[in-house]
């Protein structure tokens, strides 16, 4: 049988492990923010998977926007996009980023299909 002191030791160990995991997660997030702020000349604005091994993305490279195709074999710039149109779209999109967007992401994560 477990004694009271062994139960307390197990609980303390679990709490310390949880604390270590939380601290590691927070430090990694902080480190990622610091590293990505300074040297970001290339940024993926939006990406959508077309199939298992291909995707379309809008990439910002040195202040210009491009529509790109990503596959296992090649990455191709399809065309340059108008900067004003993309920035207007981003401004509108940030205002509509709501609970329904999070719900769609949750459906994708858990493998559920969205009901039409």
PDB file of N, CA and C in Angstrom:
ATOM      1  N   UNK A   1       0.825  -1.188   0.000  1.00  0.00           N
ATOM      2  CA  UNK A   1       0.000   0.000   0.000  1.00  0.00           C
ATOM      3  C   UNK A   1       0.871   1.253   0.000  1.00  0.00           C
ATOM      4  N   UNK A   2       0.285   2.300  -0.553  1.00  0.00           N
ATOM      5  CA  UNK A   2       0.996   3.566  -0.588  1.00  0.00           C
ATOM      6  C   UNK A   2       0.865   4.267   0.750  1.00  0.00           C
ATOM      7  N   UNK A   3       1.958   4.850   1.158  1.00  0.00           N
ATOM      8  CA  UNK A   3       1.899   5.659   2.362  1.00  0.00           C
ATOM      9  C   UNK A   3       1.644   7.108   1.959  1.00  0.00           C
ATOM     10  N   UNK A   4       1.341   7.909   2.922  1.00  0.00           N
ATOM     11  CA  UNK A   4       1.040   9.313   2.673  1.00  0.00           C
ATOM     12  C   UNK A   4       2.250  10.026   2.085  1.00  0.00           C
ATOM     13  N   UNK A   5       3.447   9.733   2.575  1.00  0.00           N
ATOM     14  CA  UNK A   5       4.653  10.414   2.094  1.00  0.00           C
ATOM     15  C   UNK A   5       4.974  10.027   0.645  1.00  0.00           C
ATOM     16  N   UNK A   6       4.728   8.779   0.266  1.00  0.00           N
ATOM     17  CA  UNK A   6       4.990   8.398  -1.125  1.00  0.00           C
ATOM     18  C   UNK A   6       3.977   9.046  -2.070  1.00  0.00           C
ATOM     19  N   UNK A   7       2.744   9.203  -1.633  1.00  0.00           N
ATOM     20  CA  UNK A   7       1.736   9.885  -2.436  1.00  0.00           C
ATOM     21  C   UNK A   7       2.102  11.351  -2.635  1.00  0.00           C
ATOM     22  N   UNK A   8       2.591  11.999  -1.593  1.00  0.00           N
ATOM     23  CA  UNK A   8       3.014  13.394  -1.681  1.00  0.00           C
ATOM     24  C   UNK A   8       4.209  13.514  -2.623  1.00  0.00           C
ATOM     25  N   UNK A   9       5.133  12.575  -2.577  1.00  0.00           N
ATOM     26  CA  UNK A   9       6.298  12.592  -3.468  1.00  0.00           C
ATOM     27  C   UNK A   9       5.881  12.451  -4.926  1.00  0.00           C
ATOM     28  N   UNK A  10       4.936  11.584  -5.202  1.00  0.00           N
ATOM     29  CA  UNK A  10       4.448  11.408  -6.573  1.00  0.00           C
ATOM     30  C   UNK A  10       3.773  12.677  -7.074  1.00  0.00           C
ATOM     31  N   UNK A  11       2.954  13.295  -6.248  1.00  0.00           N
ATOM     32  CA  UNK A  11       2.270  14.530  -6.620  1.00  0.00           C
ATOM     33  C   UNK A  11       3.284  15.648  -6.855  1.00  0.00           C
ATOM     34  N   UNK A  12       4.296  15.744  -5.990  1.00  0.00           N
ATOM     35  CA  UNK A  12       5.330  16.768  -6.171  1.00  0.00           C
ATOM     36  C   UNK A  12       6.099  16.551  -7.470  1.00  0.00           C
ATOM     37  N   UNK A  13       6.401  15.315  -7.791  1.00  0.00           N
ATOM     38  CA  UNK A  13       7.115  15.010  -9.028  1.00  0.00           C
ATOM     39  C   UNK A  13       6.296  15.407 -10.244  1.00  0.00           C
ATOM     40  N   UNK A  14       5.017  15.092 -10.230  1.00  0.00           N
ATOM     41  CA  UNK A  14       4.131  15.454 -11.336  1.00  0.00           C
ATOM     42  C   UNK A  14       4.041  16.966 -11.480  1.00  0.00           C
ATOM     43  N   UNK A  15       3.905  17.684 -10.373  1.00  0.00           N
ATOM     44  CA  UNK A  15       3.829  19.142 -10.425  1.00  0.00           C
ATOM     45  C   UNK A  15       5.121  19.758 -10.952  1.00  0.00           C
ATOM     46  N   UNK A  16       6.269  19.217 -10.548  1.00  0.00           N
ATOM     47  CA  UNK A  16       7.548  19.732 -11.045  1.00  0.00           C
ATOM     48  C   UNK A  16       7.674  19.470 -12.537  1.00  0.00           C
ATOM     49  N   UNK A  17       7.259  18.302 -13.018  1.00  0.00           N
ATOM     50  CA  UNK A  17       7.305  18.006 -14.443  1.00  0.00           C
ATOM     51  C   UNK A  17       6.410  18.953 -15.239  1.00  0.00           C
ATOM     52  N   UNK A  18       5.230  19.225 -14.739  1.00  0.00           N
ATOM     53  CA  UNK A  18       4.323  20.157 -15.402  1.00  0.00           C
ATOM     54  C   UNK A  18       4.948  21.549 -15.454  1.00  0.00           C
ATOM     55  N   UNK A  19       5.570  21.979 -14.360  1.00  0.00           N
ATOM     56  CA  UNK A  19       6.222  23.283 -14.313  1.00  0.00           C
ATOM     57  C   UNK A  19       7.377  23.363 -15.309  1.00  0.00           C
ATOM     58  N   UNK A  20       8.164  22.306 -15.412  1.00  0.00           N
ATOM     59  CA  UNK A  20       9.278  22.282 -16.363  1.00  0.00           C
ATOM     60  C   UNK A  20       8.759  22.360 -17.798  1.00  0.00           C
ATOM     61  N   UNK A  21       7.693  21.635 -18.103  1.00  0.00           N
ATOM     62  CA  UNK A  21       7.115  21.669 -19.446  1.00  0.00           C
ATOM     63  C   UNK A  21       6.592  23.061 -19.776  1.00  0.00           C
ATOM     64  N   UNK A  22       5.920  23.710 -18.846  1.00  0.00           N
ATOM     65  CA  UNK A  22       5.390  25.056 -19.068  1.00  0.00           C
ATOM     66  C   UNK A  22       6.528  26.050 -19.284  1.00  0.00           C
ATOM     67  N   UNK A  23       7.561  25.986 -18.460  1.00  0.00           N
ATOM     68  CA  UNK A  23       8.698  26.897 -18.614  1.00  0.00           C
ATOM     69  C   UNK A  23       9.433  26.675 -19.932  1.00  0.00           C
ATOM     70  N   UNK A  24       9.596  25.422 -20.337  1.00  0.00           N
ATOM     71  CA  UNK A  24      10.257  25.132 -21.610  1.00  0.00           C
ATOM     72  C   UNK A  24       9.428  25.675 -22.773  1.00  0.00           C
ATOM     73  N   UNK A  25       8.116  25.503 -22.718  1.00  0.00           N
ATOM     74  CA  UNK A  25       7.231  26.007 -23.766  1.00  0.00           C
ATOM     75  C   UNK A  25       7.309  27.530 -23.856  1.00  0.00           C
ATOM     76  N   UNK A  26       7.242  28.211 -22.730  1.00  0.00           N
ATOM     77  CA  UNK A  26       7.305  29.671 -22.732  1.00  0.00           C
ATOM     78  C   UNK A  26       8.656  30.175 -23.234  1.00  0.00           C
ATOM     79  N   UNK A  27       9.732  29.533 -22.822  1.00  0.00           N
ATOM     80  CA  UNK A  27      11.050  29.988 -23.274  1.00  0.00           C
ATOM     81  C   UNK A  27      11.229  29.747 -24.772  1.00  0.00           C
ATOM     82  N   UNK A  28      10.704  28.651 -25.299  1.00  0.00           N
ATOM     83  CA  UNK A  28      10.792  28.405 -26.733  1.00  0.00           C
ATOM     84  C   UNK A  28       9.984  29.426 -27.532  1.00  0.00           C
ATOM     85  N   UNK A  29       8.810  29.791 -27.032  1.00  0.00           N
ATOM     86  CA  UNK A  29       8.004  30.811 -27.709  1.00  0.00           C
ATOM     87  C   UNK A  29       8.721  32.152 -27.703  1.00  0.00           C
ATOM     88  N   UNK A  30       9.304  32.521 -26.574  1.00  0.00           N
ATOM     89  CA  UNK A  30      10.030  33.781 -26.480  1.00  0.00           C
ATOM     90  C   UNK A  30      11.251  33.777 -27.388  1.00  0.00           C
ATOM     91  N   UNK A  31      11.977  32.696 -27.404  1.00  0.00           N
ATOM     92  CA  UNK A  31      13.153  32.576 -28.260  1.00  0.00           C
ATOM     93  C   UNK A  31      12.770  32.638 -29.734  1.00  0.00           C
ATOM     94  N   UNK A  32      11.669  31.997 -30.098  1.00  0.00           N
ATOM     95  CA  UNK A  32      11.205  32.018 -31.484  1.00  0.00           C
ATOM     96  C   UNK A  32      10.836  33.437 -31.909  1.00  0.00           C
ATOM     97  N   UNK A  33      10.176  34.186 -31.030  1.00  0.00           N
ATOM     98  CA  UNK A  33       9.813  35.568 -31.343  1.00  0.00           C
ATOM     99  C   UNK A  33      11.053  36.436 -31.544  1.00  0.00           C
ATOM    100  N   UNK A  34      12.034  36.274 -30.667  1.00  0.00           N
ATOM    101  CA  UNK A  34      13.256  37.081 -30.765  1.00  0.00           C
ATOM    102  C   UNK A  34      14.051  36.738 -32.023  1.00  0.00           C
ATOM    103  N   UNK A  35      14.112  35.469 -32.380  1.00  0.00           N
ATOM    104  CA  UNK A  35      14.895  35.060 -33.539  1.00  0.00           C
ATOM    105  C   UNK A  35      14.207  35.470 -34.835  1.00  0.00           C
ATOM    106  N   UNK A  36      12.894  35.437 -34.882  1.00  0.00           N
ATOM    107  CA  UNK A  36      12.192  35.704 -36.134  1.00  0.00           C
ATOM    108  C   UNK A  36      11.966  37.187 -36.390  1.00  0.00           C
ATOM    109  N   UNK A  37      12.137  38.040 -35.394  1.00  0.00           N
ATOM    110  CA  UNK A  37      11.897  39.462 -35.600  1.00  0.00           C
ATOM    111  C   UNK A  37      12.981  40.117 -36.443  1.00  0.00           C
ATOM    112  N   UNK A  38      14.217  39.754 -36.240  1.00  0.00           N
ATOM    113  CA  UNK A  38      15.318  40.490 -36.838  1.00  0.00           C
ATOM    114  C   UNK A  38      15.566  40.151 -38.296  1.00  0.00           C
ATOM    115  N   UNK A  39      15.508  38.904 -38.672  1.00  0.00           N
ATOM    116  CA  UNK A  39      15.966  38.511 -39.998  1.00  0.00           C
ATOM    117  C   UNK A  39      14.838  37.939 -40.850  1.00  0.00           C
ATOM    118  N   UNK A  40      13.763  38.669 -40.960  1.00  0.00           N
ATOM    119  CA  UNK A  40      12.635  38.177 -41.734  1.00  0.00           C
ATOM    120  C   UNK A  40      12.516  38.930 -43.044  1.00  0.00           C
ATOM    121  N   UNK A  41      13.166  38.436 -44.078  1.00  0.00           N
ATOM    122  CA  UNK A  41      13.020  39.026 -45.403  1.00  0.00           C
ATOM    123  C   UNK A  41      12.022  38.217 -46.226  1.00  0.00           C
ATOM    124  N   UNK A  42      11.794  36.972 -45.804  1.00  0.00           N
ATOM    125  CA  UNK A  42      10.850  36.100 -46.498  1.00  0.00           C
ATOM    126  C   UNK A  42       9.792  35.676 -45.486  1.00  0.00           C
ATOM    127  N   UNK A  43       8.532  35.851 -45.877  1.00  0.00           N
ATOM    128  CA  UNK A  43       7.433  35.509 -44.972  1.00  0.00           C
ATOM    129  C   UNK A  43       6.315  34.878 -45.786  1.00  0.00           C
ATOM    130  N   UNK A  44       5.787  33.750 -45.295  1.00  0.00           N
ATOM    131  CA  UNK A  44       4.617  33.128 -45.917  1.00  0.00           C
ATOM    132  C   UNK A  44       3.387  33.782 -45.306  1.00  0.00           C
ATOM    133  N   UNK A  45       2.635  34.503 -46.135  1.00  0.00           N
ATOM    134  CA  UNK A  45       1.460  35.229 -45.662  1.00  0.00           C
ATOM    135  C   UNK A  45       0.291  34.275 -45.454  1.00  0.00           C
ATOM    136  N   UNK A  46       0.059  33.438 -46.453  1.00  0.00           N
ATOM    137  CA  UNK A  46      -1.026  32.460 -46.362  1.00  0.00           C
ATOM    138  C   UNK A  46      -0.656  31.249 -47.193  1.00  0.00           C
ATOM    139  N   UNK A  47      -1.060  30.083 -46.719  1.00  0.00           N
ATOM    140  CA  UNK A  47      -0.732  28.846 -47.416  1.00  0.00           C
ATOM    141  C   UNK A  47      -1.948  27.932 -47.368  1.00  0.00           C
ATOM    142  N   UNK A  48      -2.212  27.268 -48.489  1.00  0.00           N
ATOM    143  CA  UNK A  48      -3.310  26.305 -48.540  1.00  0.00           C
ATOM    144  C   UNK A  48      -2.817  25.051 -49.253  1.00  0.00           C
ATOM    145  N   UNK A  49      -3.094  23.902 -48.658  1.00  0.00           N
ATOM    146  CA  UNK A  49      -2.691  22.635 -49.252  1.00  0.00           C
ATOM    147  C   UNK A  49      -3.667  22.261 -50.359  1.00  0.00           C
ATOM    148  N   UNK A  50      -3.123  21.899 -51.509  1.00  0.00           N
ATOM    149  CA  UNK A  50      -3.939  21.472 -52.633  1.00  0.00           C
ATOM    150  C   UNK A  50      -4.094  19.959 -52.613  1.00  0.00           C
ATOM    151  N   UNK A  51      -3.022  19.265 -52.284  1.00  0.00           N
ATOM    152  CA  UNK A  51      -3.046  17.818 -52.108  1.00  0.00           C
ATOM    153  C   UNK A  51      -2.010  17.464 -51.043  1.00  0.00           C
ATOM    154  N   UNK A  52      -1.746  16.176 -50.890  1.00  0.00           N
ATOM    155  CA  UNK A  52      -0.801  15.759 -49.851  1.00  0.00           C
ATOM    156  C   UNK A  52       0.605  16.296 -50.064  1.00  0.00           C
ATOM    157  N   UNK A  53       0.992  16.501 -51.316  1.00  0.00           N
ATOM    158  CA  UNK A  53       2.358  16.926 -51.567  1.00  0.00           C
ATOM    159  C   UNK A  53       2.468  18.223 -52.360  1.00  0.00           C
ATOM    160  N   UNK A  54       1.406  19.021 -52.400  1.00  0.00           N
ATOM    161  CA  UNK A  54       1.488  20.305 -53.093  1.00  0.00           C
ATOM    162  C   UNK A  54       0.649  21.350 -52.372  1.00  0.00           C
ATOM    163  N   UNK A  55       1.089  22.592 -52.499  1.00  0.00           N
ATOM    164  CA  UNK A  55       0.397  23.696 -51.839  1.00  0.00           C
ATOM    165  C   UNK A  55       0.578  24.966 -52.646  1.00  0.00           C
ATOM    166  N   UNK A  56      -0.353  25.898 -52.452  1.00  0.00           N
ATOM    167  CA  UNK A  56      -0.249  27.242 -52.997  1.00  0.00           C
ATOM    168  C   UNK A  56      -0.051  28.188 -51.824  1.00  0.00           C
ATOM    169  N   UNK A  57       0.756  29.230 -52.041  1.00  0.00           N
ATOM    170  CA  UNK A  57       1.017  30.166 -50.960  1.00  0.00           C
ATOM    171  C   UNK A  57       1.232  31.558 -51.509  1.00  0.00           C
ATOM    172  N   UNK A  58       0.930  32.535 -50.662  1.00  0.00           N
ATOM    173  CA  UNK A  58       1.295  33.916 -50.934  1.00  0.00           C
ATOM    174  C   UNK A  58       2.499  34.198 -50.064  1.00  0.00           C
ATOM    175  N   UNK A  59       3.599  34.571 -50.704  1.00  0.00           N
ATOM    176  CA  UNK A  59       4.844  34.820 -49.984  1.00  0.00           C
ATOM    177  C   UNK A  59       5.246  36.277 -50.169  1.00  0.00           C
ATOM    178  N   UNK A  60       5.726  36.881 -49.088  1.00  0.00           N
ATOM    179  CA  UNK A  60       6.285  38.225 -49.161  1.00  0.00           C
ATOM    180  C   UNK A  60       7.800  38.089 -49.154  1.00  0.00           C
ATOM    181  N   UNK A  61       8.429  38.545 -50.225  1.00  0.00           N
ATOM    182  CA  UNK A  61       9.875  38.455 -50.353  1.00  0.00           C
ATOM    183  C   UNK A  61      10.403  39.857 -50.615  1.00  0.00           C
ATOM    184  N   UNK A  62      11.134  40.388 -49.673  1.00  0.00           N
ATOM    185  CA  UNK A  62      11.716  41.748 -49.785  1.00  0.00           C
ATOM    186  C   UNK A  62      10.657  42.791 -50.110  1.00  0.00           C
ATOM    187  N   UNK A  63       9.487  42.699 -49.494  1.00  0.00           N
ATOM    188  CA  UNK A  63       8.440  43.696 -49.677  1.00  0.00           C
ATOM    189  C   UNK A  63       7.552  43.491 -50.885  1.00  0.00           C
ATOM    190  N   UNK A  64       7.812  42.464 -51.691  1.00  0.00           N
ATOM    191  CA  UNK A  64       6.958  42.161 -52.839  1.00  0.00           C
ATOM    192  C   UNK A  64       6.223  40.856 -52.574  1.00  0.00           C
ATOM    193  N   UNK A  65       4.999  40.755 -53.105  1.00  0.00           N
ATOM    194  CA  UNK A  65       4.174  39.583 -52.874  1.00  0.00           C
ATOM    195  C   UNK A  65       4.139  38.702 -54.122  1.00  0.00           C
ATOM    196  N   UNK A  66       4.225  37.392 -53.896  1.00  0.00           N
ATOM    197  CA  UNK A  66       4.226  36.428 -54.994  1.00  0.00           C
ATOM    198  C   UNK A  66       3.265  35.287 -54.689  1.00  0.00           C
ATOM    199  N   UNK A  67       2.606  34.795 -55.726  1.00  0.00           N
ATOM    200  CA  UNK A  67       1.833  33.561 -55.634  1.00  0.00           C
ATOM    201  C   UNK A  67       2.787  32.436 -56.001  1.00  0.00           C
ATOM    202  N   UNK A  68       2.940  31.474 -55.087  1.00  0.00           N
ATOM    203  CA  UNK A  68       3.922  30.410 -55.295  1.00  0.00           C
ATOM    204  C   UNK A  68       3.268  29.045 -55.213  1.00  0.00           C
ATOM    205  N   UNK A  69       3.866  28.109 -55.920  1.00  0.00           N
ATOM    206  CA  UNK A  69       3.450  26.714 -55.890  1.00  0.00           C
ATOM    207  C   UNK A  69       4.560  25.913 -55.223  1.00  0.00           C
ATOM    208  N   UNK A  70       4.192  25.109 -54.224  1.00  0.00           N
ATOM    209  CA  UNK A  70       5.149  24.266 -53.518  1.00  0.00           C
ATOM    210  C   UNK A  70       4.787  22.807 -53.750  1.00  0.00           C
ATOM    211  N   UNK A  71       5.737  22.030 -54.236  1.00  0.00           N
ATOM    212  CA  UNK A  71       5.564  20.589 -54.390  1.00  0.00           C
ATOM    213  C   UNK A  71       6.791  19.898 -53.823  1.00  0.00           C
ATOM    214  N   UNK A  72       6.768  18.558 -53.839  1.00  0.00           N
ATOM    215  CA  UNK A  72       7.919  17.809 -53.358  1.00  0.00           C
ATOM    216  C   UNK A  72       9.137  18.022 -54.240  1.00  0.00           C
ATOM    217  N   UNK A  73       8.909  18.252 -55.515  1.00  0.00           N
ATOM    218  CA  UNK A  73      10.019  18.331 -56.471  1.00  0.00           C
ATOM    219  C   UNK A  73      10.481  19.749 -56.759  1.00  0.00           C
ATOM    220  N   UNK A  74       9.589  20.730 -56.673  1.00  0.00           N
ATOM    221  CA  UNK A  74       9.977  22.094 -57.048  1.00  0.00           C
ATOM    222  C   UNK A  74       9.111  23.127 -56.342  1.00  0.00           C
ATOM    223  N   UNK A  75       9.679  24.311 -56.172  1.00  0.00           N
ATOM    224  CA  UNK A  75       8.964  25.485 -55.690  1.00  0.00           C
ATOM    225  C   UNK A  75       9.017  26.511 -56.813  1.00  0.00           C
ATOM    226  N   UNK A  76       7.847  27.008 -57.219  1.00  0.00           N
ATOM    227  CA  UNK A  76       7.783  27.868 -58.392  1.00  0.00           C
ATOM    228  C   UNK A  76       7.013  29.139 -58.074  1.00  0.00           C
ATOM    229  N   UNK A  77       7.521  30.272 -58.553  1.00  0.00           N
ATOM    230  CA  UNK A  77       6.780  31.526 -58.468  1.00  0.00           C
ATOM    231  C   UNK A  77       5.841  31.565 -59.674  1.00  0.00           C
ATOM    232  N   UNK A  78       4.549  31.593 -59.405  1.00  0.00           N
ATOM    233  CA  UNK A  78       3.570  31.603 -60.480  1.00  0.00           C
ATOM    234  C   UNK A  78       3.378  32.999 -61.056  1.00  0.00           C
ATOM    235  N   UNK A  79       3.276  33.988 -60.164  1.00  0.00           N
ATOM    236  CA  UNK A  79       3.145  35.372 -60.621  1.00  0.00           C
ATOM    237  C   UNK A  79       3.368  36.324 -59.463  1.00  0.00           C
ATOM    238  N   UNK A  80       3.709  37.562 -59.800  1.00  0.00           N
ATOM    239  CA  UNK A  80       3.840  38.612 -58.795  1.00  0.00           C
ATOM    240  C   UNK A  80       2.469  39.226 -58.571  1.00  0.00           C
ATOM    241  N   UNK A  81       2.141  39.498 -57.309  1.00  0.00           N
ATOM    242  CA  UNK A  81       0.844  40.072 -56.963  1.00  0.00           C
ATOM    243  C   UNK A  81       0.989  41.560 -56.679  1.00  0.00           C
ATOM    244  N   UNK A  82      -0.102  42.292 -56.883  1.00  0.00           N
ATOM    245  CA  UNK A  82      -0.125  43.719 -56.607  1.00  0.00           C
ATOM    246  C   UNK A  82      -0.081  43.931 -55.095  1.00  0.00           C
ATOM    247  N   UNK A  83       0.867  44.725 -54.644  1.00  0.00           N
ATOM    248  CA  UNK A  83       1.085  44.927 -53.209  1.00  0.00           C
ATOM    249  C   UNK A  83      -0.134  45.538 -52.526  1.00  0.00           C
ATOM    250  N   UNK A  84      -0.778  46.524 -53.159  1.00  0.00           N
ATOM    251  CA  UNK A  84      -1.946  47.182 -52.557  1.00  0.00           C
ATOM    252  C   UNK A  84      -3.109  46.216 -52.379  1.00  0.00           C
ATOM    253  N   UNK A  85      -3.354  45.368 -53.376  1.00  0.00           N
ATOM    254  CA  UNK A  85      -4.448  44.402 -53.276  1.00  0.00           C
ATOM    255  C   UNK A  85      -4.217  43.412 -52.146  1.00  0.00           C
ATOM    256  N   UNK A  86      -2.998  42.927 -52.022  1.00  0.00           N
ATOM    257  CA  UNK A  86      -2.688  41.956 -50.971  1.00  0.00           C
ATOM    258  C   UNK A  86      -2.811  42.594 -49.597  1.00  0.00           C
ATOM    259  N   UNK A  87      -2.310  43.808 -49.447  1.00  0.00           N
ATOM    260  CA  UNK A  87      -2.393  44.473 -48.143  1.00  0.00           C
ATOM    261  C   UNK A  87      -3.831  44.815 -47.777  1.00  0.00           C
ATOM    262  N   UNK A  88      -4.662  45.200 -48.757  1.00  0.00           N
ATOM    263  CA  UNK A  88      -6.089  45.429 -48.484  1.00  0.00           C
ATOM    264  C   UNK A  88      -6.762  44.133 -48.044  1.00  0.00           C
ATOM    265  N   UNK A  89      -6.424  43.047 -48.729  1.00  0.00           N
ATOM    266  CA  UNK A  89      -6.973  41.741 -48.355  1.00  0.00           C
ATOM    267  C   UNK A  89      -6.562  41.383 -46.939  1.00  0.00           C
ATOM    268  N   UNK A  90      -5.296  41.596 -46.594  1.00  0.00           N
ATOM    269  CA  UNK A  90      -4.815  41.261 -45.249  1.00  0.00           C
ATOM    270  C   UNK A  90      -5.508  42.097 -44.192  1.00  0.00           C
ATOM    271  N   UNK A  91      -5.732  43.377 -44.471  1.00  0.00           N
ATOM    272  CA  UNK A  91      -6.445  44.234 -43.519  1.00  0.00           C
ATOM    273  C   UNK A  91      -7.868  43.739 -43.304  1.00  0.00           C
ATOM    274  N   UNK A  92      -8.562  43.364 -44.384  1.00  0.00           N
ATOM    275  CA  UNK A  92      -9.925  42.840 -44.268  1.00  0.00           C
ATOM    276  C   UNK A  92      -9.934  41.497 -43.559  1.00  0.00           C
ATOM    277  N   UNK A  93      -8.958  40.653 -43.858  1.00  0.00           N
ATOM    278  CA  UNK A  93      -8.914  39.309 -43.295  1.00  0.00           C
ATOM    279  C   UNK A  93      -8.657  39.340 -41.800  1.00  0.00           C
ATOM    280  N   UNK A  94      -7.818  40.243 -41.336  1.00  0.00           N
ATOM    281  CA  UNK A  94      -7.530  40.328 -39.906  1.00  0.00           C
ATOM    282  C   UNK A  94      -8.772  40.702 -39.116  1.00  0.00           C
ATOM    283  N   UNK A  95      -9.664  41.486 -39.701  1.00  0.00           N
ATOM    284  CA  UNK A  95     -10.899  41.849 -39.018  1.00  0.00           C
ATOM    285  C   UNK A  95     -11.885  40.703 -38.926  1.00  0.00           C
ATOM    286  N   UNK A  96     -11.812  39.749 -39.847  1.00  0.00           N
ATOM    287  CA  UNK A  96     -12.761  38.636 -39.868  1.00  0.00           C
ATOM    288  C   UNK A  96     -12.214  37.380 -39.225  1.00  0.00           C
ATOM    289  N   UNK A  97     -11.018  37.409 -38.710  1.00  0.00           N
ATOM    290  CA  UNK A  97     -10.399  36.246 -38.086  1.00  0.00           C
ATOM    291  C   UNK A  97     -11.086  36.013 -36.740  1.00  0.00           C
ATOM    292  N   UNK A  98     -12.100  35.185 -36.728  1.00  0.00           N
ATOM    293  CA  UNK A  98     -12.954  35.053 -35.560  1.00  0.00           C
ATOM    294  C   UNK A  98     -13.048  33.613 -35.100  1.00  0.00           C
ATOM    295  N   UNK A  99     -14.054  33.351 -34.285  1.00  0.00           N
ATOM    296  CA  UNK A  99     -14.263  32.022 -33.732  1.00  0.00           C
ATOM    297  C   UNK A  99     -14.497  30.985 -34.816  1.00  0.00           C
ATOM    298  N   UNK A 100     -15.186  31.353 -35.894  1.00  0.00           N
ATOM    299  CA  UNK A 100     -15.460  30.380 -36.948  1.00  0.00           C
ATOM    300  C   UNK A 100     -14.169  29.906 -37.600  1.00  0.00           C
ATOM    301  N   UNK A 101     -13.170  30.799 -37.707  1.00  0.00           N
ATOM    302  CA  UNK A 101     -11.871  30.404 -38.250  1.00  0.00           C
ATOM    303  C   UNK A 101     -11.200  29.395 -37.316  1.00  0.00           C
ATOM    304  N   UNK A 102     -11.272  29.638 -36.029  1.00  0.00           N
ATOM    305  CA  UNK A 102     -10.693  28.700 -35.062  1.00  0.00           C
ATOM    306  C   UNK A 102     -11.435  27.367 -35.113  1.00  0.00           C
ATOM    307  N   UNK A 103     -12.746  27.415 -35.310  1.00  0.00           N
ATOM    308  CA  UNK A 103     -13.532  26.195 -35.408  1.00  0.00           C
ATOM    309  C   UNK A 103     -13.125  25.391 -36.644  1.00  0.00           C
ATOM    310  N   UNK A 104     -12.889  26.081 -37.772  1.00  0.00           N
ATOM    311  CA  UNK A 104     -12.430  25.395 -38.978  1.00  0.00           C
ATOM    312  C   UNK A 104     -11.076  24.745 -38.755  1.00  0.00           C
ATOM    313  N   UNK A 105     -10.180  25.438 -38.064  1.00  0.00           N
ATOM    314  CA  UNK A 105      -8.860  24.874 -37.776  1.00  0.00           C
ATOM    315  C   UNK A 105      -8.981  23.659 -36.866  1.00  0.00           C
ATOM    316  N   UNK A 106      -9.897  23.718 -35.909  1.00  0.00           N
ATOM    317  CA  UNK A 106     -10.100  22.575 -35.022  1.00  0.00           C
ATOM    318  C   UNK A 106     -10.632  21.381 -35.805  1.00  0.00           C
ATOM    319  N   UNK A 107     -11.529  21.640 -36.747  1.00  0.00           N
ATOM    320  CA  UNK A 107     -12.044  20.558 -37.588  1.00  0.00           C
ATOM    321  C   UNK A 107     -10.929  19.915 -38.397  1.00  0.00           C
ATOM    322  N   UNK A 108     -10.031  20.748 -38.940  1.00  0.00           N
ATOM    323  CA  UNK A 108      -8.909  20.203 -39.698  1.00  0.00           C
ATOM    324  C   UNK A 108      -7.991  19.392 -38.805  1.00  0.00           C
ATOM    325  N   UNK A 109      -7.742  19.880 -37.587  1.00  0.00           N
ATOM    326  CA  UNK A 109      -6.845  19.201 -36.661  1.00  0.00           C
ATOM    327  C   UNK A 109      -7.397  17.836 -36.254  1.00  0.00           C
ATOM    328  N   UNK A 110      -8.672  17.788 -35.953  1.00  0.00           N
ATOM    329  CA  UNK A 110      -9.266  16.546 -35.479  1.00  0.00           C
ATOM    330  C   UNK A 110      -9.758  15.658 -36.625  1.00  0.00           C
ATOM    331  N   UNK A 111      -9.591  16.101 -37.865  1.00  0.00           N
ATOM    332  CA  UNK A 111      -9.939  15.270 -39.012  1.00  0.00           C
ATOM    333  C   UNK A 111     -11.422  15.243 -39.306  1.00  0.00           C
ATOM    334  N   UNK A 112     -12.166  16.209 -38.816  1.00  0.00           N
ATOM    335  CA  UNK A 112     -13.602  16.253 -39.064  1.00  0.00           C
ATOM    336  C   UNK A 112     -13.879  17.105 -40.281  1.00  0.00           C
ATOM    337  N   UNK A 113     -14.931  16.836 -40.941  1.00  0.00           N
ATOM    338  CA  UNK A 113     -15.335  17.640 -42.097  1.00  0.00           C
ATOM    339  C   UNK A 113     -16.312  18.723 -41.659  1.00  0.00           C
ATOM    340  N   UNK A 114     -16.200  19.848 -42.304  1.00  0.00           N
ATOM    341  CA  UNK A 114     -17.095  20.951 -42.031  1.00  0.00           C
ATOM    342  C   UNK A 114     -18.434  20.675 -42.701  1.00  0.00           C
ATOM    343  N   UNK A 115     -19.519  20.883 -41.967  1.00  0.00           N
ATOM    344  CA  UNK A 115     -20.857  20.676 -42.517  1.00  0.00           C
ATOM    345  C   UNK A 115     -21.252  21.865 -43.355  1.00  0.00           C
ATOM    346  N   UNK A 116     -21.774  21.614 -44.540  1.00  0.00           N
ATOM    347  CA  UNK A 116     -22.197  22.701 -45.440  1.00  0.00           C
ATOM    348  C   UNK A 116     -23.620  23.083 -45.182  1.00  0.00           C
TER     349      UNK A 116
END
